Amino acid sequence: MWTARPVKHRDMRPLAPVFAALGDPIRLQLVARLSGGAQLSITQLASGTHVTRQAITKHLHVLAHARLVRGARQGREQLWELNPAQLREARRCLDLIAGQWDDALQRLKASLE
């Protein structure tokens, strides 16, 4: 039977800002909009929302601090894009935790049978 490698506290510490950043609904929406692969300006990201460009900028800086997005100046605009490598790393961590839970549930089931 497959057993997940226990996730060590130090393995997850660098991902704490990622999970904190994704815990906000507006930032999660920004990540979803950027997941299409296109580079988008703050104006484009604010379009169709009730959120101001200034607020979008603040949220993008939180996401950038967590290395979920990166911005690049193009002329007078700042264009933002998703950093999928950071999301993959967070996914890897969640998969390891899920594997630990599956293993624990299997052991519980076996002991009850």
Protein backbone atom coordinates (compact mmCIF):
# COMPACT_ATOMS: atom_id res chain seq x y z
CA MET A 1 0.00 0.00 0.00
CA TRP A 2 1.26 3.49 -0.87
CA THR A 3 2.08 5.71 2.06
CA ALA A 4 2.60 9.43 1.64
CA ARG A 5 5.79 10.93 2.93
CA PRO A 6 4.83 12.94 6.04
CA VAL A 7 4.71 16.64 5.30
CA LYS A 8 7.19 18.34 7.54
CA HIS A 9 6.47 21.74 9.05
CA ARG A 10 9.56 23.24 7.40
CA ASP A 11 8.35 21.99 4.00
CA MET A 12 5.16 24.02 4.31
CA ARG A 13 6.57 27.21 5.83
CA PRO A 14 7.45 28.82 2.45
CA LEU A 15 3.91 28.13 1.25
CA ALA A 16 2.17 29.92 4.13
CA PRO A 17 2.03 33.24 2.19
CA VAL A 18 0.54 31.38 -0.78
CA PHE A 19 -2.32 29.92 1.22
CA ALA A 20 -2.86 33.21 3.06
CA ALA A 21 -3.00 35.10 -0.25
CA LEU A 22 -5.45 32.61 -1.76
CA GLY A 23 -7.69 32.89 1.31
CA ASP A 24 -9.07 36.22 0.10
CA PRO A 25 -11.96 36.00 -2.41
CA ILE A 26 -10.77 38.97 -4.49
CA ARG A 27 -7.23 37.61 -4.77
CA LEU A 28 -8.59 34.19 -5.64
CA GLN A 29 -10.67 35.82 -8.38
CA LEU A 30 -7.55 37.61 -9.70
CA VAL A 31 -5.65 34.32 -9.83
CA ALA A 32 -8.58 32.75 -11.70
CA ARG A 33 -8.65 35.61 -14.22
CA LEU A 34 -4.89 35.35 -14.77
CA SER A 35 -5.03 31.57 -15.12
CA GLY A 36 -6.11 31.99 -18.73
CA GLY A 37 -2.47 32.64 -19.54
CA ALA A 38 -2.76 36.22 -20.77
CA GLN A 39 -0.92 39.16 -19.28
CA LEU A 40 -3.50 41.63 -17.99
CA SER A 41 -3.31 45.22 -16.87
CA ILE A 42 -4.80 46.48 -13.64
CA THR A 43 -7.53 48.19 -15.66
CA GLN A 44 -8.39 44.90 -17.36
CA LEU A 45 -8.38 43.05 -14.04
CA ALA A 46 -10.68 45.65 -12.45
CA SER A 47 -13.06 45.69 -15.40
CA GLY A 48 -16.45 44.17 -14.61
CA THR A 49 -15.86 44.17 -10.86
CA HIS A 50 -16.84 46.47 -8.03
CA VAL A 51 -13.19 46.72 -6.97
CA THR A 52 -11.14 49.87 -7.60
CA ARG A 53 -7.88 49.80 -9.51
CA GLN A 54 -6.10 50.91 -6.34
CA ALA A 55 -7.52 47.94 -4.43
CA ILE A 56 -6.62 45.59 -7.29
CA THR A 57 -3.06 46.93 -7.13
CA LYS A 58 -2.84 46.21 -3.40
CA HIS A 59 -4.17 42.68 -3.91
CA LEU A 60 -1.69 42.07 -6.74
CA HIS A 61 1.18 43.11 -4.48
CA VAL A 62 0.07 40.54 -1.89
CA LEU A 63 -0.05 37.90 -4.63
CA ALA A 64 3.37 39.00 -5.90
CA HIS A 65 4.81 38.75 -2.38
CA ALA A 66 3.55 35.14 -2.32
CA ARG A 67 5.16 34.68 -5.77
CA LEU A 68 1.80 33.73 -7.30
CA VAL A 69 1.94 36.52 -9.88
CA ARG A 70 4.59 38.71 -11.42
CA GLY A 71 4.31 42.10 -13.00
CA ALA A 72 6.26 43.55 -15.89
CA ARG A 73 6.21 47.11 -17.13
CA GLN A 74 5.17 47.49 -20.76
CA GLY A 75 5.20 51.12 -21.77
CA ARG A 76 3.08 53.02 -19.27
CA GLU A 77 1.24 49.93 -18.03
CA GLN A 78 2.11 47.22 -15.58
CA LEU A 79 1.02 43.85 -16.96
CA TRP A 80 0.47 40.95 -14.60
CA GLU A 81 0.73 37.23 -15.21
CA LEU A 82 0.29 34.08 -13.16
CA ASN A 83 3.28 32.15 -11.85
CA PRO A 84 2.02 28.57 -12.28
CA ALA A 85 5.12 27.06 -10.63
CA GLN A 86 4.06 28.43 -7.25
CA LEU A 87 0.56 26.98 -7.65
CA ARG A 88 2.06 23.61 -8.57
CA GLU A 89 4.14 23.67 -5.40
CA ALA A 90 1.05 24.44 -3.30
CA ARG A 91 -0.81 21.64 -5.07
CA ARG A 92 2.05 19.22 -4.31
CA CYS A 93 1.81 20.08 -0.64
CA LEU A 94 -1.98 19.58 -0.60
CA ASP A 95 -1.60 16.27 -2.42
CA LEU A 96 0.86 15.07 0.24
CA ILE A 97 -1.53 16.06 3.02
CA ALA A 98 -4.42 14.36 1.21
CA GLY A 99 -2.30 11.22 0.88
CA GLN A 100 -1.64 11.24 4.61
CA TRP A 101 -5.37 11.49 5.32
CA ASP A 102 -6.14 8.67 2.88
CA ASP A 103 -3.53 6.49 4.56
CA ALA A 104 -4.89 7.29 8.03
CA LEU A 105 -8.44 6.50 6.92
CA GLN A 106 -7.30 3.19 5.39
CA ARG A 107 -5.59 2.22 8.65
CA LEU A 108 -8.72 3.15 10.61
CA LYS A 109 -10.91 1.13 8.26
CA ALA A 110 -8.59 -1.88 8.53
CA SER A 111 -8.58 -1.71 12.33
CA LEU A 112 -12.39 -1.56 12.44
CA GLU A 113 -12.84 -4.56 10.17
